[in-house]
Amino acid sequence: MCSAEIRPQVEAFLQRELEAKTNAETASLAALTRGDLSSAMEIVRSFEGKRVLSRGLNADWGKPDPAQVIVLKTILSATPGILSDVEREAMPSLRIAAGMMELWGTNQARNWLPEGFDCGSHLGNDSAARMLLFAGYQQRDLTDWRESKVVKSVEVLASPDSCPACAKFSKKRYSLKNCPELPHPGCTHEFGCRCNLSPVL
């Protein structure tokens, strides 16, 4: 509860925060659209670093995250098999939306897509964008595990409500060189593949 004397100051502060975030989102979107990943990431870091309560538990906004570069590059270049039904002309917008989801820690693409956008996939816009995001996470994790020289294989962990195609791979182990593509290209779940890779030491 705010007193009548303090409320105007609080409202003014919240308005400044909203304007700062809107400006940062607009600037990062422009940078991402022109392929300037470093600037896009720096804009987000600068915004979060100045906030009273920044996003993320123990997140270090003072330095770049090399792993995030891998995620963003994958999002902007790779096309997971599960998205084979996405309209070709829709992919650029879907990639940018997924990239913004990664930069800003959200799970919805709609805020970053053109009005009336339809990617053409049976998954829908949000789920299709998440498949790009998940593909980026797989590449990030595989890169980290390969460089560690400690992880020798991975195990696929399916969701409890996974489709038959994904359930078939659950609990199976693969070498880092031969692990299956995730999101699973043959997944038939309405929300897409939610399988994860777990490192085996």
N, C-alpha and C. Protein backbone atom coordinates (compact mmCIF):
# COMPACT_ATOMS: atom_id res chain seq x y z
N MET A 1 0.85 -1.20 0.00
CA MET A 1 0.00 0.00 0.00
C MET A 1 0.88 1.24 0.00
N CYS A 2 0.51 2.22 -0.79
CA CYS A 2 1.25 3.49 -0.85
C CYS A 2 0.42 4.60 -0.24
N SER A 3 1.08 5.48 0.48
CA SER A 3 0.39 6.65 1.01
C SER A 3 0.13 7.63 -0.13
N ALA A 4 -0.78 8.53 0.09
CA ALA A 4 -1.11 9.53 -0.93
C ALA A 4 0.10 10.39 -1.28
N GLU A 5 0.97 10.59 -0.30
CA GLU A 5 2.15 11.43 -0.54
C GLU A 5 3.18 10.72 -1.41
N ILE A 6 3.31 9.41 -1.23
CA ILE A 6 4.35 8.65 -1.93
C ILE A 6 3.88 8.15 -3.30
N ARG A 7 2.59 7.91 -3.47
CA ARG A 7 2.08 7.31 -4.71
C ARG A 7 2.55 8.03 -5.97
N PRO A 8 2.52 9.36 -6.05
CA PRO A 8 2.97 10.03 -7.28
C PRO A 8 4.43 9.72 -7.62
N GLN A 9 5.27 9.59 -6.60
CA GLN A 9 6.68 9.28 -6.84
C GLN A 9 6.85 7.86 -7.37
N VAL A 10 6.06 6.94 -6.80
CA VAL A 10 6.12 5.55 -7.25
C VAL A 10 5.63 5.43 -8.68
N GLU A 11 4.53 6.09 -8.99
CA GLU A 11 3.97 6.03 -10.34
C GLU A 11 4.93 6.64 -11.35
N ALA A 12 5.60 7.71 -10.97
CA ALA A 12 6.57 8.34 -11.86
C ALA A 12 7.75 7.41 -12.11
N PHE A 13 8.19 6.72 -11.04
CA PHE A 13 9.29 5.77 -11.18
C PHE A 13 8.90 4.63 -12.12
N LEU A 14 7.70 4.08 -11.92
CA LEU A 14 7.25 2.98 -12.77
C LEU A 14 7.12 3.41 -14.22
N GLN A 15 6.69 4.63 -14.45
CA GLN A 15 6.58 5.14 -15.81
C GLN A 15 7.95 5.28 -16.46
N ARG A 16 8.93 5.74 -15.70
CA ARG A 16 10.30 5.85 -16.22
C ARG A 16 10.85 4.47 -16.56
N GLU A 17 10.58 3.48 -15.70
CA GLU A 17 11.02 2.11 -15.95
C GLU A 17 10.39 1.55 -17.22
N LEU A 18 9.11 1.80 -17.39
CA LEU A 18 8.40 1.31 -18.58
C LEU A 18 8.96 1.94 -19.84
N GLU A 19 9.20 3.24 -19.81
CA GLU A 19 9.74 3.93 -20.97
C GLU A 19 11.15 3.43 -21.29
N ALA A 20 11.95 3.21 -20.25
CA ALA A 20 13.31 2.72 -20.46
C ALA A 20 13.29 1.33 -21.09
N LYS A 21 12.39 0.46 -20.62
CA LYS A 21 12.30 -0.88 -21.17
C LYS A 21 11.81 -0.86 -22.61
N THR A 22 10.81 -0.03 -22.87
CA THR A 22 10.29 0.08 -24.24
C THR A 22 11.38 0.55 -25.20
N ASN A 23 12.15 1.53 -24.78
CA ASN A 23 13.25 2.03 -25.61
C ASN A 23 14.31 0.97 -25.84
N ALA A 24 14.62 0.22 -24.77
CA ALA A 24 15.64 -0.83 -24.88
C ALA A 24 15.15 -1.95 -25.78
N GLU A 25 13.88 -2.32 -25.66
CA GLU A 25 13.33 -3.36 -26.52
C GLU A 25 13.36 -2.94 -27.98
N THR A 26 12.98 -1.70 -28.24
CA THR A 26 12.98 -1.19 -29.62
C THR A 26 14.38 -1.19 -30.20
N ALA A 27 15.35 -0.74 -29.40
CA ALA A 27 16.73 -0.67 -29.87
C ALA A 27 17.32 -2.06 -30.09
N SER A 28 17.03 -2.99 -29.19
CA SER A 28 17.56 -4.35 -29.33
C SER A 28 16.92 -5.06 -30.52
N LEU A 29 15.65 -4.80 -30.76
CA LEU A 29 14.97 -5.38 -31.92
C LEU A 29 15.60 -4.89 -33.21
N ALA A 30 15.92 -3.61 -33.27
CA ALA A 30 16.56 -3.05 -34.47
C ALA A 30 17.93 -3.67 -34.68
N ALA A 31 18.70 -3.83 -33.60
CA ALA A 31 20.03 -4.41 -33.70
C ALA A 31 19.96 -5.86 -34.15
N LEU A 32 19.04 -6.61 -33.57
CA LEU A 32 18.88 -8.02 -33.92
C LEU A 32 18.45 -8.16 -35.38
N THR A 33 17.56 -7.31 -35.82
CA THR A 33 17.06 -7.37 -37.20
C THR A 33 18.18 -7.14 -38.21
N ARG A 34 19.13 -6.28 -37.87
CA ARG A 34 20.24 -6.05 -38.80
C ARG A 34 21.42 -7.01 -38.56
N GLY A 35 21.21 -7.98 -37.66
CA GLY A 35 22.22 -9.01 -37.43
C GLY A 35 23.35 -8.61 -36.51
N ASP A 36 23.19 -7.51 -35.79
CA ASP A 36 24.23 -7.04 -34.87
C ASP A 36 23.96 -7.63 -33.49
N LEU A 37 24.39 -8.86 -33.28
CA LEU A 37 24.11 -9.56 -32.04
C LEU A 37 24.78 -8.90 -30.84
N SER A 38 26.00 -8.46 -31.03
CA SER A 38 26.74 -7.83 -29.91
C SER A 38 26.00 -6.61 -29.38
N SER A 39 25.52 -5.77 -30.28
CA SER A 39 24.79 -4.57 -29.85
C SER A 39 23.47 -4.94 -29.19
N ALA A 40 22.76 -5.91 -29.77
CA ALA A 40 21.48 -6.33 -29.20
C ALA A 40 21.67 -6.83 -27.77
N MET A 41 22.70 -7.64 -27.54
CA MET A 41 22.97 -8.17 -26.21
C MET A 41 23.41 -7.06 -25.26
N GLU A 42 24.22 -6.12 -25.75
CA GLU A 42 24.71 -5.04 -24.91
C GLU A 42 23.57 -4.13 -24.47
N ILE A 43 22.60 -3.90 -25.33
CA ILE A 43 21.46 -3.05 -24.99
C ILE A 43 20.67 -3.68 -23.84
N VAL A 44 20.46 -4.97 -23.92
CA VAL A 44 19.72 -5.66 -22.86
C VAL A 44 20.53 -5.66 -21.56
N ARG A 45 21.83 -5.94 -21.66
CA ARG A 45 22.68 -5.95 -20.46
C ARG A 45 22.69 -4.59 -19.79
N SER A 46 22.79 -3.54 -20.59
CA SER A 46 22.84 -2.20 -20.04
C SER A 46 21.54 -1.86 -19.32
N PHE A 47 20.43 -2.23 -19.92
CA PHE A 47 19.13 -1.96 -19.29
C PHE A 47 18.99 -2.72 -17.98
N GLU A 48 19.27 -4.04 -18.01
CA GLU A 48 19.10 -4.85 -16.82
C GLU A 48 20.07 -4.45 -15.72
N GLY A 49 21.28 -4.06 -16.11
CA GLY A 49 22.29 -3.70 -15.14
C GLY A 49 21.96 -2.44 -14.35
N LYS A 50 21.10 -1.61 -14.92
CA LYS A 50 20.74 -0.35 -14.26
C LYS A 50 19.47 -0.46 -13.41
N ARG A 51 18.78 -1.58 -13.52
CA ARG A 51 17.53 -1.73 -12.79
C ARG A 51 17.78 -1.99 -11.30
N VAL A 52 16.83 -1.56 -10.48
CA VAL A 52 16.92 -1.82 -9.04
C VAL A 52 16.87 -3.32 -8.79
N LEU A 53 15.94 -3.99 -9.46
CA LEU A 53 15.82 -5.44 -9.36
C LEU A 53 15.94 -6.01 -10.77
N SER A 54 17.13 -6.45 -11.14
CA SER A 54 17.35 -6.96 -12.49
C SER A 54 16.79 -8.36 -12.63
N ARG A 55 16.61 -8.79 -13.87
CA ARG A 55 16.04 -10.10 -14.17
C ARG A 55 17.09 -11.19 -13.96
N GLY A 56 16.64 -12.33 -13.46
CA GLY A 56 17.52 -13.49 -13.34
C GLY A 56 18.16 -13.61 -11.97
N LEU A 57 18.16 -14.82 -11.42
CA LEU A 57 18.76 -15.07 -10.12
C LEU A 57 20.28 -15.10 -10.25
N ASN A 58 20.95 -14.19 -9.55
CA ASN A 58 22.42 -14.09 -9.58
C ASN A 58 22.98 -13.89 -10.98
N ALA A 59 22.18 -13.29 -11.87
CA ALA A 59 22.65 -13.03 -13.23
C ALA A 59 23.70 -11.92 -13.21
N ASP A 60 24.76 -12.12 -13.99
CA ASP A 60 25.82 -11.12 -14.10
C ASP A 60 25.61 -10.34 -15.39
N TRP A 61 25.02 -9.16 -15.27
CA TRP A 61 24.73 -8.34 -16.45
C TRP A 61 25.91 -7.46 -16.82
N GLY A 62 27.01 -7.61 -16.13
CA GLY A 62 28.16 -6.76 -16.40
C GLY A 62 29.06 -7.23 -17.52
N LYS A 63 28.88 -8.46 -17.99
CA LYS A 63 29.74 -8.97 -19.05
C LYS A 63 28.96 -9.83 -20.03
N PRO A 64 29.42 -9.92 -21.27
CA PRO A 64 28.72 -10.70 -22.29
C PRO A 64 28.68 -12.18 -21.94
N ASP A 65 27.67 -12.86 -22.44
CA ASP A 65 27.52 -14.30 -22.24
C ASP A 65 27.79 -15.00 -23.57
N PRO A 66 28.97 -15.61 -23.73
CA PRO A 66 29.31 -16.28 -24.99
C PRO A 66 28.30 -17.36 -25.38
N ALA A 67 27.72 -18.01 -24.38
CA ALA A 67 26.76 -19.06 -24.67
C ALA A 67 25.52 -18.50 -25.36
N GLN A 68 25.15 -17.28 -25.01
CA GLN A 68 23.97 -16.68 -25.62
C GLN A 68 24.20 -16.40 -27.10
N VAL A 69 25.43 -16.13 -27.47
CA VAL A 69 25.76 -15.90 -28.87
C VAL A 69 25.45 -17.16 -29.69
N ILE A 70 25.77 -18.32 -29.13
CA ILE A 70 25.50 -19.58 -29.82
C ILE A 70 24.00 -19.76 -30.02
N VAL A 71 23.23 -19.46 -28.97
CA VAL A 71 21.77 -19.59 -29.06
C VAL A 71 21.22 -18.68 -30.14
N LEU A 72 21.64 -17.43 -30.14
CA LEU A 72 21.12 -16.47 -31.11
C LEU A 72 21.54 -16.81 -32.54
N LYS A 73 22.78 -17.22 -32.72
CA LYS A 73 23.23 -17.59 -34.06
C LYS A 73 22.46 -18.78 -34.60
N THR A 74 22.17 -19.74 -33.73
CA THR A 74 21.39 -20.91 -34.14
C THR A 74 19.98 -20.51 -34.52
N ILE A 75 19.37 -19.66 -33.71
CA ILE A 75 18.02 -19.18 -33.99
C ILE A 75 17.95 -18.50 -35.36
N LEU A 76 18.96 -17.71 -35.66
CA LEU A 76 18.93 -16.92 -36.90
C LEU A 76 19.38 -17.69 -38.14
N SER A 77 19.89 -18.90 -37.96
CA SER A 77 20.42 -19.61 -39.13
C SER A 77 19.87 -21.03 -39.31
N ALA A 78 19.63 -21.75 -38.23
CA ALA A 78 19.20 -23.15 -38.34
C ALA A 78 17.69 -23.25 -38.52
N THR A 79 17.28 -24.30 -39.21
CA THR A 79 15.86 -24.57 -39.37
C THR A 79 15.57 -25.99 -38.89
N PRO A 80 15.07 -26.14 -37.67
CA PRO A 80 14.76 -27.47 -37.13
C PRO A 80 13.75 -28.20 -38.02
N GLY A 81 13.92 -29.50 -38.12
CA GLY A 81 13.03 -30.30 -38.95
C GLY A 81 11.57 -30.19 -38.54
N ILE A 82 11.32 -29.95 -37.27
CA ILE A 82 9.94 -29.85 -36.78
C ILE A 82 9.22 -28.65 -37.38
N LEU A 83 9.99 -27.70 -37.94
CA LEU A 83 9.39 -26.51 -38.54
C LEU A 83 9.35 -26.58 -40.06
N SER A 84 9.34 -27.79 -40.60
CA SER A 84 9.34 -27.95 -42.05
C SER A 84 8.08 -27.40 -42.70
N ASP A 85 7.00 -27.24 -41.92
CA ASP A 85 5.76 -26.73 -42.51
C ASP A 85 5.60 -25.22 -42.36
N VAL A 86 6.61 -24.54 -41.82
CA VAL A 86 6.55 -23.08 -41.71
C VAL A 86 6.73 -22.45 -43.09
N GLU A 87 5.90 -21.47 -43.40
CA GLU A 87 6.03 -20.78 -44.67
C GLU A 87 7.41 -20.13 -44.78
N ARG A 88 8.03 -20.30 -45.95
CA ARG A 88 9.40 -19.81 -46.13
C ARG A 88 9.51 -18.31 -45.84
N GLU A 89 8.54 -17.54 -46.33
CA GLU A 89 8.61 -16.09 -46.14
C GLU A 89 8.33 -15.68 -44.70
N ALA A 90 7.83 -16.61 -43.90
CA ALA A 90 7.54 -16.31 -42.50
C ALA A 90 8.74 -16.53 -41.58
N MET A 91 9.72 -17.28 -42.03
CA MET A 91 10.85 -17.63 -41.16
C MET A 91 11.64 -16.44 -40.64
N PRO A 92 11.95 -15.43 -41.46
CA PRO A 92 12.72 -14.30 -40.92
C PRO A 92 12.05 -13.63 -39.72
N SER A 93 10.76 -13.39 -39.81
CA SER A 93 10.05 -12.76 -38.68
C SER A 93 10.00 -13.69 -37.48
N LEU A 94 9.84 -14.98 -37.73
CA LEU A 94 9.79 -15.95 -36.63
C LEU A 94 11.15 -16.02 -35.93
N ARG A 95 12.23 -15.96 -36.70
CA ARG A 95 13.58 -15.99 -36.13
C ARG A 95 13.82 -14.78 -35.23
N ILE A 96 13.42 -13.60 -35.70
CA ILE A 96 13.62 -12.39 -34.91
C ILE A 96 12.82 -12.46 -33.62
N ALA A 97 11.59 -12.95 -33.71
CA ALA A 97 10.76 -13.08 -32.51
C ALA A 97 11.39 -14.03 -31.51
N ALA A 98 11.91 -15.16 -32.00
CA ALA A 98 12.56 -16.12 -31.11
C ALA A 98 13.82 -15.52 -30.49
N GLY A 99 14.55 -14.74 -31.26
CA GLY A 99 15.74 -14.07 -30.75
C GLY A 99 15.39 -13.08 -29.63
N MET A 100 14.30 -12.36 -29.80
CA MET A 100 13.86 -11.42 -28.77
C MET A 100 13.39 -12.17 -27.52
N MET A 101 12.78 -13.32 -27.72
CA MET A 101 12.39 -14.14 -26.57
C MET A 101 13.62 -14.52 -25.76
N GLU A 102 14.69 -14.88 -26.44
CA GLU A 102 15.93 -15.23 -25.75
C GLU A 102 16.53 -14.02 -25.04
N LEU A 103 16.59 -12.90 -25.73
CA LEU A 103 17.20 -11.70 -25.16
C LEU A 103 16.45 -11.20 -23.92
N TRP A 104 15.13 -11.29 -23.96
CA TRP A 104 14.32 -10.69 -22.90
C TRP A 104 13.70 -11.71 -21.95
N GLY A 105 14.03 -12.99 -22.13
CA GLY A 105 13.58 -14.00 -21.19
C GLY A 105 12.08 -14.21 -21.15
N THR A 106 11.43 -14.17 -22.32
CA THR A 106 9.99 -14.40 -22.38
C THR A 106 9.70 -15.70 -23.10
N ASN A 107 8.46 -16.19 -22.98
CA ASN A 107 8.09 -17.44 -23.65
C ASN A 107 7.00 -17.23 -24.70
N GLN A 108 6.77 -15.97 -25.08
CA GLN A 108 5.78 -15.67 -26.10
C GLN A 108 6.39 -14.85 -27.22
N ALA A 109 6.03 -15.21 -28.44
CA ALA A 109 6.57 -14.51 -29.61
C ALA A 109 5.69 -13.37 -30.08
N ARG A 110 4.44 -13.37 -29.66
CA ARG A 110 3.45 -12.45 -30.24
C ARG A 110 3.83 -10.98 -30.14
N ASN A 111 4.55 -10.60 -29.09
CA ASN A 111 4.93 -9.19 -28.93
C ASN A 111 5.92 -8.72 -29.99
N TRP A 112 6.59 -9.67 -30.64
CA TRP A 112 7.66 -9.32 -31.58
C TRP A 112 7.29 -9.63 -33.03
N LEU A 113 6.08 -10.09 -33.25
CA LEU A 113 5.66 -10.46 -34.60
C LEU A 113 4.76 -9.40 -35.21
N PRO A 114 4.77 -9.28 -36.55
CA PRO A 114 3.89 -8.31 -37.21
C PRO A 114 2.42 -8.62 -36.92
N GLU A 115 1.60 -7.61 -36.93
CA GLU A 115 0.18 -7.80 -36.69
C GLU A 115 -0.42 -8.72 -37.75
N GLY A 116 -1.19 -9.68 -37.31
CA GLY A 116 -1.83 -10.61 -38.23
C GLY A 116 -0.90 -11.69 -38.74
N PHE A 117 0.30 -11.82 -38.16
CA PHE A 117 1.28 -12.79 -38.62
C PHE A 117 0.80 -14.23 -38.40
N ASP A 118 1.04 -15.08 -39.39
CA ASP A 118 0.73 -16.51 -39.29
C ASP A 118 1.88 -17.27 -39.94
N CYS A 119 2.60 -18.03 -39.14
CA CYS A 119 3.77 -18.73 -39.68
C CYS A 119 3.40 -19.90 -40.57
N GLY A 120 2.14 -20.34 -40.52
CA GLY A 120 1.70 -21.44 -41.37
C GLY A 120 1.89 -22.81 -40.77
N SER A 121 2.54 -22.89 -39.61
CA SER A 121 2.79 -24.18 -38.98
C SER A 121 1.59 -24.65 -38.16
N HIS A 122 1.46 -25.96 -38.05
CA HIS A 122 0.41 -26.53 -37.21
C HIS A 122 0.63 -26.20 -35.73
N LEU A 123 1.85 -25.80 -35.40
CA LEU A 123 2.18 -25.50 -34.00
C LEU A 123 1.67 -24.14 -33.55
N GLY A 124 1.48 -23.23 -34.47
CA GLY A 124 1.13 -21.87 -34.08
C GLY A 124 2.39 -21.04 -33.89
N ASN A 125 2.23 -19.73 -33.83
CA ASN A 125 3.38 -18.82 -33.79
C ASN A 125 4.26 -18.99 -32.55
N ASP A 126 3.65 -19.00 -31.37
CA ASP A 126 4.44 -19.07 -30.13
C ASP A 126 5.22 -20.37 -30.03
N SER A 127 4.55 -21.49 -30.30
CA SER A 127 5.21 -22.79 -30.18
C SER A 127 6.30 -22.94 -31.25
N ALA A 128 6.05 -22.44 -32.44
CA ALA A 128 7.06 -22.52 -33.51
C ALA A 128 8.30 -21.72 -33.13
N ALA A 129 8.10 -20.54 -32.56
CA ALA A 129 9.24 -19.73 -32.13
C ALA A 129 10.00 -20.43 -31.01
N ARG A 130 9.28 -21.09 -30.12
CA ARG A 130 9.95 -21.82 -29.04
C ARG A 130 10.79 -22.98 -29.58
N MET A 131 10.38 -23.58 -30.69
CA MET A 131 11.18 -24.65 -31.28
C MET A 131 12.52 -24.12 -31.76
N LEU A 132 12.53 -22.90 -32.31
CA LEU A 132 13.79 -22.27 -32.70
C LEU A 132 14.66 -22.01 -31.46
N LEU A 133 14.01 -21.56 -30.41
CA LEU A 133 14.71 -21.28 -29.16
C LEU A 133 15.31 -22.56 -28.59
N PHE A 134 14.54 -23.65 -28.58
CA PHE A 134 15.03 -24.92 -28.05
C PHE A 134 16.18 -25.47 -28.88
N ALA A 135 16.12 -25.26 -30.20
CA ALA A 135 17.23 -25.70 -31.06
C ALA A 135 18.51 -24.95 -30.68
N GLY A 136 18.36 -23.68 -30.36
CA GLY A 136 19.51 -22.90 -29.92
C GLY A 136 20.07 -23.40 -28.60
N TYR A 137 19.19 -23.79 -27.69
CA TYR A 137 19.64 -24.33 -26.41
C TYR A 137 20.40 -25.64 -26.59
N GLN A 138 19.93 -26.48 -27.52
CA GLN A 138 20.63 -27.75 -27.75
C GLN A 138 22.05 -27.49 -28.25
N GLN A 139 22.20 -26.57 -29.20
CA GLN A 139 23.53 -26.27 -29.72
C GLN A 139 24.42 -25.66 -28.65
N ARG A 140 23.85 -24.82 -27.82
CA ARG A 140 24.61 -24.23 -26.71
C ARG A 140 25.13 -25.30 -25.77
N ASP A 141 24.24 -26.20 -25.38
CA ASP A 141 24.62 -27.26 -24.44
C ASP A 141 25.63 -28.22 -25.05
N LEU A 142 25.41 -28.62 -26.29
CA LEU A 142 26.34 -29.55 -26.94
C LEU A 142 27.72 -28.92 -27.08
N THR A 143 27.77 -27.65 -27.42
CA THR A 143 29.06 -26.95 -27.53
C THR A 143 29.77 -26.93 -26.19
N ASP A 144 29.05 -26.64 -25.14
CA ASP A 144 29.62 -26.59 -23.79
C ASP A 144 30.13 -27.96 -23.37
N TRP A 145 29.35 -29.00 -23.61
CA TRP A 145 29.74 -30.35 -23.19
C TRP A 145 30.93 -30.86 -23.98
N ARG A 146 30.98 -30.56 -25.26
CA ARG A 146 32.11 -31.00 -26.08
C ARG A 146 33.40 -30.32 -25.65
N GLU A 147 33.30 -29.05 -25.31
CA GLU A 147 34.49 -28.31 -24.88
C GLU A 147 34.94 -28.72 -23.49
N SER A 148 34.03 -29.24 -22.69
CA SER A 148 34.38 -29.63 -21.32
C SER A 148 35.30 -30.84 -21.27
N LYS A 149 35.22 -31.70 -22.30
CA LYS A 149 36.00 -32.94 -22.36
C LYS A 149 35.63 -33.92 -21.24
N VAL A 150 34.61 -33.60 -20.48
CA VAL A 150 34.18 -34.45 -19.36
C VAL A 150 32.95 -35.26 -19.75
N VAL A 151 32.02 -34.61 -20.43
CA VAL A 151 30.79 -35.28 -20.83
C VAL A 151 31.07 -36.18 -22.03
N LYS A 152 30.72 -37.44 -21.92
CA LYS A 152 30.99 -38.41 -22.99
C LYS A 152 29.74 -38.76 -23.79
N SER A 153 28.59 -38.65 -23.15
CA SER A 153 27.34 -39.00 -23.84
C SER A 153 26.19 -38.22 -23.22
N VAL A 154 25.04 -38.31 -23.86
CA VAL A 154 23.86 -37.61 -23.37
C VAL A 154 22.67 -38.56 -23.33
N GLU A 155 21.72 -38.23 -22.48
CA GLU A 155 20.49 -39.02 -22.38
C GLU A 155 19.31 -38.12 -22.73
N VAL A 156 18.40 -38.62 -23.53
CA VAL A 156 17.22 -37.86 -23.92
C VAL A 156 16.15 -38.01 -22.83
N LEU A 157 15.63 -36.89 -22.36
CA LEU A 157 14.58 -36.90 -21.36
C LEU A 157 13.32 -36.30 -21.98
N ALA A 158 12.29 -37.13 -22.14
CA ALA A 158 11.03 -36.67 -22.71
C ALA A 158 10.11 -36.15 -21.61
N SER A 159 9.13 -35.35 -22.01
CA SER A 159 8.13 -34.87 -21.06
C SER A 159 7.14 -35.98 -20.74
N PRO A 160 6.49 -35.91 -19.59
CA PRO A 160 5.52 -36.96 -19.23
C PRO A 160 4.41 -37.14 -20.25
N ASP A 161 4.03 -36.04 -20.93
CA ASP A 161 2.95 -36.13 -21.91
C ASP A 161 3.46 -36.11 -23.35
N SER A 162 4.70 -36.54 -23.55
CA SER A 162 5.28 -36.52 -24.89
C SER A 162 4.51 -37.40 -25.86
N CYS A 163 4.65 -37.08 -27.14
CA CYS A 163 4.01 -37.88 -28.18
C CYS A 163 4.76 -39.20 -28.32
N PRO A 164 4.21 -40.18 -29.03
CA PRO A 164 4.88 -41.47 -29.20
C PRO A 164 6.27 -41.37 -29.81
N ALA A 165 6.46 -40.47 -30.76
CA ALA A 165 7.76 -40.33 -31.40
C ALA A 165 8.83 -39.91 -30.41
N CYS A 166 8.49 -38.96 -29.52
CA CYS A 166 9.45 -38.50 -28.53
C CYS A 166 9.64 -39.52 -27.41
N ALA A 167 8.56 -40.17 -27.01
CA ALA A 167 8.64 -41.17 -25.94
C ALA A 167 9.56 -42.31 -26.34
N LYS A 168 9.64 -42.58 -27.63
CA LYS A 168 10.49 -43.67 -28.13
C LYS A 168 11.96 -43.42 -27.81
N PHE A 169 12.35 -42.15 -27.74
CA PHE A 169 13.75 -41.81 -27.50
C PHE A 169 14.06 -41.58 -26.03
N SER A 170 13.03 -41.53 -25.21
CA SER A 170 13.23 -41.21 -23.80
C SER A 170 14.11 -42.24 -23.11
N LYS A 171 15.03 -41.75 -22.32
CA LYS A 171 15.96 -42.55 -21.52
C LYS A 171 17.07 -43.22 -22.35
N LYS A 172 17.09 -42.99 -23.64
CA LYS A 172 18.15 -43.58 -24.46
C LYS A 172 19.38 -42.68 -24.43
N ARG A 173 20.55 -43.31 -24.55
CA ARG A 173 21.81 -42.56 -24.51
C ARG A 173 22.47 -42.52 -25.88
N TYR A 174 23.14 -41.40 -26.12
CA TYR A 174 23.81 -41.19 -27.40
C TYR A 174 25.16 -40.51 -27.16
N SER A 175 26.08 -40.74 -28.06
CA SER A 175 27.35 -40.04 -27.98
C SER A 175 27.13 -38.59 -28.39
N LEU A 176 28.06 -37.72 -28.03
CA LEU A 176 27.93 -36.31 -28.38
C LEU A 176 27.95 -36.10 -29.89
N LYS A 177 28.56 -37.05 -30.62
CA LYS A 177 28.64 -36.91 -32.07
C LYS A 177 27.37 -37.41 -32.77
N ASN A 178 26.60 -38.26 -32.10
CA ASN A 178 25.46 -38.90 -32.76
C ASN A 178 24.14 -38.69 -32.04
N CYS A 179 24.02 -37.61 -31.26
CA CYS A 179 22.76 -37.40 -30.56
C CYS A 179 21.68 -36.94 -31.54
N PRO A 180 20.44 -37.30 -31.29
CA PRO A 180 19.36 -36.94 -32.22
C PRO A 180 19.08 -35.44 -32.21
N GLU A 181 18.48 -34.98 -33.27
CA GLU A 181 18.11 -33.57 -33.36
C GLU A 181 16.96 -33.28 -32.40
N LEU A 182 17.12 -32.22 -31.65
CA LEU A 182 16.05 -31.71 -30.80
C LEU A 182 15.88 -30.23 -31.11
N PRO A 183 14.63 -29.77 -31.19
CA PRO A 183 13.38 -30.49 -31.04
C PRO A 183 13.25 -31.64 -32.05
N HIS A 184 12.59 -32.72 -31.62
CA HIS A 184 12.47 -33.91 -32.45
C HIS A 184 11.66 -33.59 -33.72
N PRO A 185 12.21 -33.85 -34.90
CA PRO A 185 11.52 -33.55 -36.15
C PRO A 185 10.18 -34.27 -36.30
N GLY A 186 10.06 -35.44 -35.68
CA GLY A 186 8.84 -36.22 -35.82
C GLY A 186 7.82 -36.00 -34.72
N CYS A 187 8.07 -35.04 -33.86
CA CYS A 187 7.15 -34.78 -32.75
C CYS A 187 5.78 -34.36 -33.28
N THR A 188 4.72 -34.92 -32.67
CA THR A 188 3.36 -34.60 -33.09
C THR A 188 2.55 -33.90 -32.00
N HIS A 189 3.18 -33.54 -30.90
CA HIS A 189 2.45 -32.87 -29.82
C HIS A 189 2.01 -31.48 -30.28
N GLU A 190 0.85 -31.06 -29.84
CA GLU A 190 0.30 -29.78 -30.29
C GLU A 190 1.15 -28.58 -29.88
N PHE A 191 1.94 -28.73 -28.83
CA PHE A 191 2.81 -27.64 -28.39
C PHE A 191 4.26 -27.83 -28.84
N GLY A 192 4.52 -28.88 -29.60
CA GLY A 192 5.86 -29.14 -30.07
C GLY A 192 6.68 -29.98 -29.11
N CYS A 193 7.92 -30.24 -29.47
CA CYS A 193 8.79 -31.11 -28.69
C CYS A 193 9.31 -30.39 -27.45
N ARG A 194 9.24 -31.07 -26.31
CA ARG A 194 9.78 -30.53 -25.06
C ARG A 194 10.88 -31.42 -24.51
N CYS A 195 11.46 -32.27 -25.35
CA CYS A 195 12.54 -33.15 -24.90
C CYS A 195 13.79 -32.36 -24.56
N ASN A 196 14.57 -32.87 -23.64
CA ASN A 196 15.83 -32.25 -23.25
C ASN A 196 16.96 -33.27 -23.30
N LEU A 197 18.17 -32.77 -23.42
CA LEU A 197 19.36 -33.62 -23.33
C LEU A 197 19.96 -33.46 -21.95
N SER A 198 20.31 -34.57 -21.34
CA SER A 198 20.95 -34.54 -20.03
C SER A 198 22.34 -35.13 -20.16
N PRO A 199 23.38 -34.44 -19.67
CA PRO A 199 24.74 -34.96 -19.81
C PRO A 199 24.98 -36.21 -18.96
N VAL A 200 25.75 -37.13 -19.49
CA VAL A 200 26.14 -38.33 -18.78
C VAL A 200 27.66 -38.30 -18.64
N LEU A 201 28.15 -38.30 -17.41
CA LEU A 201 29.59 -38.19 -17.17
C LEU A 201 30.26 -39.56 -17.24
